[in-house]
Amino acid sequence: MPVTPEDLAKEAMKMPSEARARLADLLVQSLDDAPLNSIDRASLDEAKRRRDEVREGEVNTIPGDEALQEVRDSLKR
């Protein structure tokens, strides 16, 4: 059975934050060589901006399971 991006993301969320950041870097770098349309380019630029904010300590991160629980809780309201 093929692995889906969602399956990979679920597994990646179990990794320490530094390892997830490195994985995100590798994925973003893999996109740098591909021709992108304007929407993809904007998404890539936003991902890089957010990555840099995390690296520079400008934002506080929370574990993925906590983030998902917050979203689920907000949808119940």
PDB file of N, CA and C in Angstrom:
ATOM      1  N   MET A   1       0.852  -1.180   0.000  1.00  0.00           N
ATOM      2  CA  MET A   1       0.000   0.000   0.000  1.00  0.00           C
ATOM      3  C   MET A   1       0.897   1.243   0.000  1.00  0.00           C
ATOM      4  N   PRO A   2       0.646   2.183  -0.912  1.00  0.00           N
ATOM      5  CA  PRO A   2       1.498   3.378  -0.981  1.00  0.00           C
ATOM      6  C   PRO A   2       1.318   4.268   0.249  1.00  0.00           C
ATOM      7  N   VAL A   3       2.383   4.947   0.590  1.00  0.00           N
ATOM      8  CA  VAL A   3       2.357   5.877   1.718  1.00  0.00           C
ATOM      9  C   VAL A   3       1.849   7.225   1.207  1.00  0.00           C
ATOM     10  N   THR A   4       0.902   7.804   1.924  1.00  0.00           N
ATOM     11  CA  THR A   4       0.336   9.099   1.530  1.00  0.00           C
ATOM     12  C   THR A   4       1.096  10.232   2.221  1.00  0.00           C
ATOM     13  N   PRO A   5       0.990  11.441   1.679  1.00  0.00           N
ATOM     14  CA  PRO A   5       1.600  12.580   2.364  1.00  0.00           C
ATOM     15  C   PRO A   5       1.075  12.739   3.791  1.00  0.00           C
ATOM     16  N   GLU A   6      -0.196  12.424   3.989  1.00  0.00           N
ATOM     17  CA  GLU A   6      -0.772  12.523   5.332  1.00  0.00           C
ATOM     18  C   GLU A   6      -0.132  11.517   6.287  1.00  0.00           C
ATOM     19  N   ASP A   7       0.139  10.305   5.781  1.00  0.00           N
ATOM     20  CA  ASP A   7       0.817   9.299   6.600  1.00  0.00           C
ATOM     21  C   ASP A   7       2.222   9.774   6.983  1.00  0.00           C
ATOM     22  N   LEU A   8       2.924  10.320   6.000  1.00  0.00           N
ATOM     23  CA  LEU A   8       4.273  10.821   6.267  1.00  0.00           C
ATOM     24  C   LEU A   8       4.241  11.960   7.280  1.00  0.00           C
ATOM     25  N   ALA A   9       3.273  12.858   7.125  1.00  0.00           N
ATOM     26  CA  ALA A   9       3.163  13.981   8.058  1.00  0.00           C
ATOM     27  C   ALA A   9       2.876  13.488   9.467  1.00  0.00           C
ATOM     28  N   LYS A  10       2.010  12.506   9.582  1.00  0.00           N
ATOM     29  CA  LYS A  10       1.676  11.952  10.904  1.00  0.00           C
ATOM     30  C   LYS A  10       2.921  11.386  11.576  1.00  0.00           C
ATOM     31  N   GLU A  11       3.721  10.664  10.814  1.00  0.00           N
ATOM     32  CA  GLU A  11       4.964  10.111  11.357  1.00  0.00           C
ATOM     33  C   GLU A  11       5.959  11.219  11.679  1.00  0.00           C
ATOM     34  N   ALA A  12       6.051  12.205  10.803  1.00  0.00           N
ATOM     35  CA  ALA A  12       6.995  13.306  11.017  1.00  0.00           C
ATOM     36  C   ALA A  12       6.669  14.087  12.280  1.00  0.00           C
ATOM     37  N   MET A  13       5.374  14.179  12.617  1.00  0.00           N
ATOM     38  CA  MET A  13       4.982  14.937  13.809  1.00  0.00           C
ATOM     39  C   MET A  13       5.466  14.273  15.091  1.00  0.00           C
ATOM     40  N   LYS A  14       5.877  13.028  15.017  1.00  0.00           N
ATOM     41  CA  LYS A  14       6.417  12.326  16.182  1.00  0.00           C
ATOM     42  C   LYS A  14       7.883  12.669  16.413  1.00  0.00           C
ATOM     43  N   MET A  15       8.511  13.308  15.439  1.00  0.00           N
ATOM     44  CA  MET A  15       9.931  13.639  15.529  1.00  0.00           C
ATOM     45  C   MET A  15      10.131  14.878  16.402  1.00  0.00           C
ATOM     46  N   PRO A  16      11.316  15.019  16.997  1.00  0.00           N
ATOM     47  CA  PRO A  16      11.604  16.255  17.741  1.00  0.00           C
ATOM     48  C   PRO A  16      11.518  17.470  16.803  1.00  0.00           C
ATOM     49  N   SER A  17      11.243  18.626  17.364  1.00  0.00           N
ATOM     50  CA  SER A  17      11.028  19.823  16.538  1.00  0.00           C
ATOM     51  C   SER A  17      12.230  20.148  15.653  1.00  0.00           C
ATOM     52  N   GLU A  18      13.426  19.949  16.145  1.00  0.00           N
ATOM     53  CA  GLU A  18      14.602  20.254  15.327  1.00  0.00           C
ATOM     54  C   GLU A  18      14.672  19.326  14.115  1.00  0.00           C
ATOM     55  N   ALA A  19      14.324  18.065  14.294  1.00  0.00           N
ATOM     56  CA  ALA A  19      14.330  17.119  13.177  1.00  0.00           C
ATOM     57  C   ALA A  19      13.232  17.474  12.181  1.00  0.00           C
ATOM     58  N   ARG A  20      12.069  17.905  12.679  1.00  0.00           N
ATOM     59  CA  ARG A  20      10.990  18.312  11.775  1.00  0.00           C
ATOM     60  C   ARG A  20      11.393  19.543  10.975  1.00  0.00           C
ATOM     61  N   ALA A  21      12.090  20.468  11.628  1.00  0.00           N
ATOM     62  CA  ALA A  21      12.551  21.670  10.927  1.00  0.00           C
ATOM     63  C   ALA A  21      13.533  21.292   9.823  1.00  0.00           C
ATOM     64  N   ARG A  22      14.421  20.360  10.115  1.00  0.00           N
ATOM     65  CA  ARG A  22      15.379  19.912   9.107  1.00  0.00           C
ATOM     66  C   ARG A  22      14.649  19.237   7.951  1.00  0.00           C
ATOM     67  N   LEU A  23      13.669  18.412   8.259  1.00  0.00           N
ATOM     68  CA  LEU A  23      12.881  17.762   7.217  1.00  0.00           C
ATOM     69  C   LEU A  23      12.167  18.806   6.363  1.00  0.00           C
ATOM     70  N   ALA A  24      11.595  19.804   7.006  1.00  0.00           N
ATOM     71  CA  ALA A  24      10.917  20.873   6.268  1.00  0.00           C
ATOM     72  C   ALA A  24      11.899  21.585   5.343  1.00  0.00           C
ATOM     73  N   ASP A  25      13.092  21.850   5.832  1.00  0.00           N
ATOM     74  CA  ASP A  25      14.123  22.472   5.003  1.00  0.00           C
ATOM     75  C   ASP A  25      14.416  21.631   3.773  1.00  0.00           C
ATOM     76  N   LEU A  26      14.588  20.335   3.979  1.00  0.00           N
ATOM     77  CA  LEU A  26      14.897  19.444   2.861  1.00  0.00           C
ATOM     78  C   LEU A  26      13.768  19.435   1.839  1.00  0.00           C
ATOM     79  N   LEU A  27      12.534  19.419   2.330  1.00  0.00           N
ATOM     80  CA  LEU A  27      11.400  19.429   1.410  1.00  0.00           C
ATOM     81  C   LEU A  27      11.309  20.746   0.643  1.00  0.00           C
ATOM     82  N   VAL A  28      11.516  21.850   1.341  1.00  0.00           N
ATOM     83  CA  VAL A  28      11.469  23.157   0.679  1.00  0.00           C
ATOM     84  C   VAL A  28      12.597  23.265  -0.343  1.00  0.00           C
ATOM     85  N   GLN A  29      13.790  22.819   0.019  1.00  0.00           N
ATOM     86  CA  GLN A  29      14.913  22.870  -0.916  1.00  0.00           C
ATOM     87  C   GLN A  29      14.623  22.052  -2.165  1.00  0.00           C
ATOM     88  N   SER A  30      13.918  20.944  -2.002  1.00  0.00           N
ATOM     89  CA  SER A  30      13.609  20.113  -3.164  1.00  0.00           C
ATOM     90  C   SER A  30      12.680  20.838  -4.131  1.00  0.00           C
ATOM     91  N   LEU A  31      11.922  21.798  -3.631  1.00  0.00           N
ATOM     92  CA  LEU A  31      11.023  22.565  -4.483  1.00  0.00           C
ATOM     93  C   LEU A  31      11.728  23.701  -5.203  1.00  0.00           C
ATOM     94  N   ASP A  32      12.858  24.140  -4.662  1.00  0.00           N
ATOM     95  CA  ASP A  32      13.563  25.278  -5.238  1.00  0.00           C
ATOM     96  C   ASP A  32      13.973  25.055  -6.686  1.00  0.00           C
ATOM     97  N   ASP A  33      14.239  23.819  -7.066  1.00  0.00           N
ATOM     98  CA  ASP A  33      14.701  23.534  -8.417  1.00  0.00           C
ATOM     99  C   ASP A  33      13.564  23.341  -9.416  1.00  0.00           C
ATOM    100  N   ALA A  34      12.372  23.134  -8.926  1.00  0.00           N
ATOM    101  CA  ALA A  34      11.233  22.887  -9.808  1.00  0.00           C
ATOM    102  C   ALA A  34      10.620  24.209 -10.261  1.00  0.00           C
ATOM    103  N   PRO A  35      10.175  24.278 -11.513  1.00  0.00           N
ATOM    104  CA  PRO A  35       9.480  25.483 -11.956  1.00  0.00           C
ATOM    105  C   PRO A  35       8.148  25.609 -11.213  1.00  0.00           C
ATOM    106  N   LEU A  36       7.854  26.791 -10.704  1.00  0.00           N
ATOM    107  CA  LEU A  36       6.652  26.987  -9.901  1.00  0.00           C
ATOM    108  C   LEU A  36       5.749  28.033 -10.527  1.00  0.00           C
ATOM    109  N   ASN A  37       4.443  27.821 -10.361  1.00  0.00           N
ATOM    110  CA  ASN A  37       3.523  28.866 -10.779  1.00  0.00           C
ATOM    111  C   ASN A  37       3.456  29.910  -9.667  1.00  0.00           C
ATOM    112  N   SER A  38       2.725  30.966  -9.867  1.00  0.00           N
ATOM    113  CA  SER A  38       2.732  32.074  -8.900  1.00  0.00           C
ATOM    114  C   SER A  38       2.162  31.660  -7.542  1.00  0.00           C
ATOM    115  N   ILE A  39       1.178  30.794  -7.530  1.00  0.00           N
ATOM    116  CA  ILE A  39       0.598  30.350  -6.257  1.00  0.00           C
ATOM    117  C   ILE A  39       1.594  29.480  -5.501  1.00  0.00           C
ATOM    118  N   ASP A  40       2.234  28.554  -6.217  1.00  0.00           N
ATOM    119  CA  ASP A  40       3.238  27.710  -5.577  1.00  0.00           C
ATOM    120  C   ASP A  40       4.411  28.537  -5.067  1.00  0.00           C
ATOM    121  N   ARG A  41       4.824  29.530  -5.832  1.00  0.00           N
ATOM    122  CA  ARG A  41       5.938  30.398  -5.415  1.00  0.00           C
ATOM    123  C   ARG A  41       5.544  31.157  -4.153  1.00  0.00           C
ATOM    124  N   ALA A  42       4.337  31.674  -4.097  1.00  0.00           N
ATOM    125  CA  ALA A  42       3.874  32.406  -2.914  1.00  0.00           C
ATOM    126  C   ALA A  42       3.829  31.481  -1.701  1.00  0.00           C
ATOM    127  N   SER A  43       3.377  30.246  -1.903  1.00  0.00           N
ATOM    128  CA  SER A  43       3.330  29.284  -0.801  1.00  0.00           C
ATOM    129  C   SER A  43       4.731  28.958  -0.303  1.00  0.00           C
ATOM    130  N   LEU A  44       5.643  28.775  -1.230  1.00  0.00           N
ATOM    131  CA  LEU A  44       7.022  28.479  -0.863  1.00  0.00           C
ATOM    132  C   LEU A  44       7.646  29.647  -0.103  1.00  0.00           C
ATOM    133  N   ASP A  45       7.413  30.849  -0.581  1.00  0.00           N
ATOM    134  CA  ASP A  45       7.944  32.032   0.106  1.00  0.00           C
ATOM    135  C   ASP A  45       7.384  32.140   1.520  1.00  0.00           C
ATOM    136  N   GLU A  46       6.097  31.841   1.677  1.00  0.00           N
ATOM    137  CA  GLU A  46       5.473  31.891   3.007  1.00  0.00           C
ATOM    138  C   GLU A  46       6.065  30.825   3.919  1.00  0.00           C
ATOM    139  N   ALA A  47       6.277  29.625   3.394  1.00  0.00           N
ATOM    140  CA  ALA A  47       6.877  28.554   4.197  1.00  0.00           C
ATOM    141  C   ALA A  47       8.272  28.941   4.657  1.00  0.00           C
ATOM    142  N   LYS A  48       9.045  29.531   3.786  1.00  0.00           N
ATOM    143  CA  LYS A  48      10.406  29.965   4.151  1.00  0.00           C
ATOM    144  C   LYS A  48      10.356  31.067   5.203  1.00  0.00           C
ATOM    145  N   ARG A  49       9.411  31.999   5.043  1.00  0.00           N
ATOM    146  CA  ARG A  49       9.283  33.086   6.021  1.00  0.00           C
ATOM    147  C   ARG A  49       8.959  32.524   7.398  1.00  0.00           C
ATOM    148  N   ARG A  50       8.017  31.589   7.449  1.00  0.00           N
ATOM    149  CA  ARG A  50       7.633  30.983   8.727  1.00  0.00           C
ATOM    150  C   ARG A  50       8.783  30.177   9.322  1.00  0.00           C
ATOM    151  N   ARG A  51       9.491  29.443   8.472  1.00  0.00           N
ATOM    152  CA  ARG A  51      10.660  28.685   8.937  1.00  0.00           C
ATOM    153  C   ARG A  51      11.668  29.625   9.588  1.00  0.00           C
ATOM    154  N   ASP A  52      11.930  30.735   8.930  1.00  0.00           N
ATOM    155  CA  ASP A  52      12.895  31.691   9.462  1.00  0.00           C
ATOM    156  C   ASP A  52      12.426  32.284  10.784  1.00  0.00           C
ATOM    157  N   GLU A  53      11.130  32.545  10.914  1.00  0.00           N
ATOM    158  CA  GLU A  53      10.595  33.064  12.179  1.00  0.00           C
ATOM    159  C   GLU A  53      10.819  32.077  13.315  1.00  0.00           C
ATOM    160  N   VAL A  54      10.634  30.794  13.041  1.00  0.00           N
ATOM    161  CA  VAL A  54      10.859  29.774  14.069  1.00  0.00           C
ATOM    162  C   VAL A  54      12.332  29.720  14.420  1.00  0.00           C
ATOM    163  N   ARG A  55      13.179  29.704  13.429  1.00  0.00           N
ATOM    164  CA  ARG A  55      14.626  29.627  13.670  1.00  0.00           C
ATOM    165  C   ARG A  55      15.143  30.814  14.469  1.00  0.00           C
ATOM    166  N   GLU A  56      14.574  31.975  14.209  1.00  0.00           N
ATOM    167  CA  GLU A  56      15.026  33.191  14.878  1.00  0.00           C
ATOM    168  C   GLU A  56      14.339  33.400  16.230  1.00  0.00           C
ATOM    169  N   GLY A  57      13.486  32.469  16.619  1.00  0.00           N
ATOM    170  CA  GLY A  57      12.817  32.565  17.908  1.00  0.00           C
ATOM    171  C   GLY A  57      11.742  33.626  17.974  1.00  0.00           C
ATOM    172  N   GLU A  58      11.234  34.036  16.835  1.00  0.00           N
ATOM    173  CA  GLU A  58      10.213  35.079  16.796  1.00  0.00           C
ATOM    174  C   GLU A  58       8.820  34.543  17.117  1.00  0.00           C
ATOM    175  N   VAL A  59       8.649  33.230  17.040  1.00  0.00           N
ATOM    176  CA  VAL A  59       7.358  32.620  17.349  1.00  0.00           C
ATOM    177  C   VAL A  59       7.572  31.460  18.306  1.00  0.00           C
ATOM    178  N   ASN A  60       6.556  31.177  19.077  1.00  0.00           N
ATOM    179  CA  ASN A  60       6.602  30.023  19.968  1.00  0.00           C
ATOM    180  C   ASN A  60       5.928  28.860  19.263  1.00  0.00           C
ATOM    181  N   THR A  61       6.597  27.731  19.239  1.00  0.00           N
ATOM    182  CA  THR A  61       6.010  26.551  18.617  1.00  0.00           C
ATOM    183  C   THR A  61       5.383  25.671  19.687  1.00  0.00           C
ATOM    184  N   ILE A  62       4.428  24.864  19.246  1.00  0.00           N
ATOM    185  CA  ILE A  62       3.824  23.886  20.144  1.00  0.00           C
ATOM    186  C   ILE A  62       3.821  22.546  19.417  1.00  0.00           C
ATOM    187  N   PRO A  63       3.831  21.458  20.161  1.00  0.00           N
ATOM    188  CA  PRO A  63       3.798  20.144  19.512  1.00  0.00           C
ATOM    189  C   PRO A  63       2.550  19.989  18.637  1.00  0.00           C
ATOM    190  N   GLY A  64       2.707  19.242  17.572  1.00  0.00           N
ATOM    191  CA  GLY A  64       1.627  19.064  16.608  1.00  0.00           C
ATOM    192  C   GLY A  64       0.358  18.514  17.210  1.00  0.00           C
ATOM    193  N   ASP A  65       0.484  17.559  18.134  1.00  0.00           N
ATOM    194  CA  ASP A  65      -0.726  16.985  18.725  1.00  0.00           C
ATOM    195  C   ASP A  65      -1.488  18.019  19.539  1.00  0.00           C
ATOM    196  N   GLU A  66      -0.761  18.927  20.189  1.00  0.00           N
ATOM    197  CA  GLU A  66      -1.427  19.998  20.935  1.00  0.00           C
ATOM    198  C   GLU A  66      -2.117  20.966  19.980  1.00  0.00           C
ATOM    199  N   ALA A  67      -1.459  21.284  18.873  1.00  0.00           N
ATOM    200  CA  ALA A  67      -2.058  22.192  17.891  1.00  0.00           C
ATOM    201  C   ALA A  67      -3.337  21.602  17.324  1.00  0.00           C
ATOM    202  N   LEU A  68      -3.295  20.323  16.979  1.00  0.00           N
ATOM    203  CA  LEU A  68      -4.490  19.675  16.441  1.00  0.00           C
ATOM    204  C   LEU A  68      -5.617  19.640  17.464  1.00  0.00           C
ATOM    205  N   GLN A  69      -5.279  19.409  18.730  1.00  0.00           N
ATOM    206  CA  GLN A  69      -6.309  19.394  19.763  1.00  0.00           C
ATOM    207  C   GLN A  69      -6.942  20.771  19.919  1.00  0.00           C
ATOM    208  N   GLU A  70      -6.126  21.835  19.823  1.00  0.00           N
ATOM    209  CA  GLU A  70      -6.673  23.185  19.907  1.00  0.00           C
ATOM    210  C   GLU A  70      -7.652  23.444  18.765  1.00  0.00           C
ATOM    211  N   VAL A  71      -7.303  22.987  17.564  1.00  0.00           N
ATOM    212  CA  VAL A  71      -8.189  23.162  16.419  1.00  0.00           C
ATOM    213  C   VAL A  71      -9.487  22.384  16.632  1.00  0.00           C
ATOM    214  N   ARG A  72      -9.356  21.134  17.075  1.00  0.00           N
ATOM    215  CA  ARG A  72     -10.559  20.331  17.318  1.00  0.00           C
ATOM    216  C   ARG A  72     -11.446  20.980  18.373  1.00  0.00           C
ATOM    217  N   ASP A  73     -10.833  21.474  19.445  1.00  0.00           N
ATOM    218  CA  ASP A  73     -11.605  22.123  20.503  1.00  0.00           C
ATOM    219  C   ASP A  73     -12.314  23.362  19.983  1.00  0.00           C
ATOM    220  N   SER A  74     -11.632  24.140  19.137  1.00  0.00           N
ATOM    221  CA  SER A  74     -12.244  25.363  18.627  1.00  0.00           C
ATOM    222  C   SER A  74     -13.419  25.046  17.694  1.00  0.00           C
ATOM    223  N   LEU A  75     -13.348  23.921  17.000  1.00  0.00           N
ATOM    224  CA  LEU A  75     -14.440  23.536  16.104  1.00  0.00           C
ATOM    225  C   LEU A  75     -15.667  23.052  16.864  1.00  0.00           C
ATOM    226  N   LYS A  76     -15.481  22.602  18.092  1.00  0.00           N
ATOM    227  CA  LYS A  76     -16.590  22.125  18.911  1.00  0.00           C
ATOM    228  C   LYS A  76     -17.409  23.281  19.484  1.00  0.00           C
ATOM    229  N   ARG A  77     -16.817  24.462  19.541  1.00  0.00           N
ATOM    230  CA  ARG A  77     -17.489  25.610  20.153  1.00  0.00           C
ATOM    231  C   ARG A  77     -18.594  26.160  19.294  1.00  0.00           C
TER     232      ARG A  77
END
